Amino acid sequence: MSSFTLQQIFGENAVQDADSITIAKADLAQNTGFSATDENDGESVLTAVVLQAQGLGLDTVNRDGGEDSDPNINQQVAVSSSTPNLITRPDAEGNISYFKRDSYTIDFDLPLPSTVNPSDY
């Protein structure tokens, strides 16, 4: 399998030129639970992008192979998640609130020697 296309990760309406990338919010909403509005903040869009990438196969199972699939040597980026945790966070006054923390890891693989550079992926 080859590398993932822009449309495979960001949706069929994703387009790019030399200066910009356009991602349709409706495409992110199809697989992530994202609610597209004219006031989405950066955190909600980033969360939708991470969930979209993992949900569409940009994950460690596709990269490393599984019981029913061979490894994809061309996949250099993978998103994985871990078991959620219960955490506490204090506010400015010291009041404690409880939160569920969902953790995601993004792996960047490139032959040695290398440093992370978006142009290499």
Foldseek 3Di string as FASTA:
>chain_A
DAEDDPCLQQNPPWDDDPPDIDGDVVRLCPQAVQDDDPDDDPVSVVNSSLRSCQVSQQAPCQQCDDPPGHHDVNRFKHKDWDDWDWDWDADPVRDIDIDIDIDMDIGGDDDPPDDDDVVVD
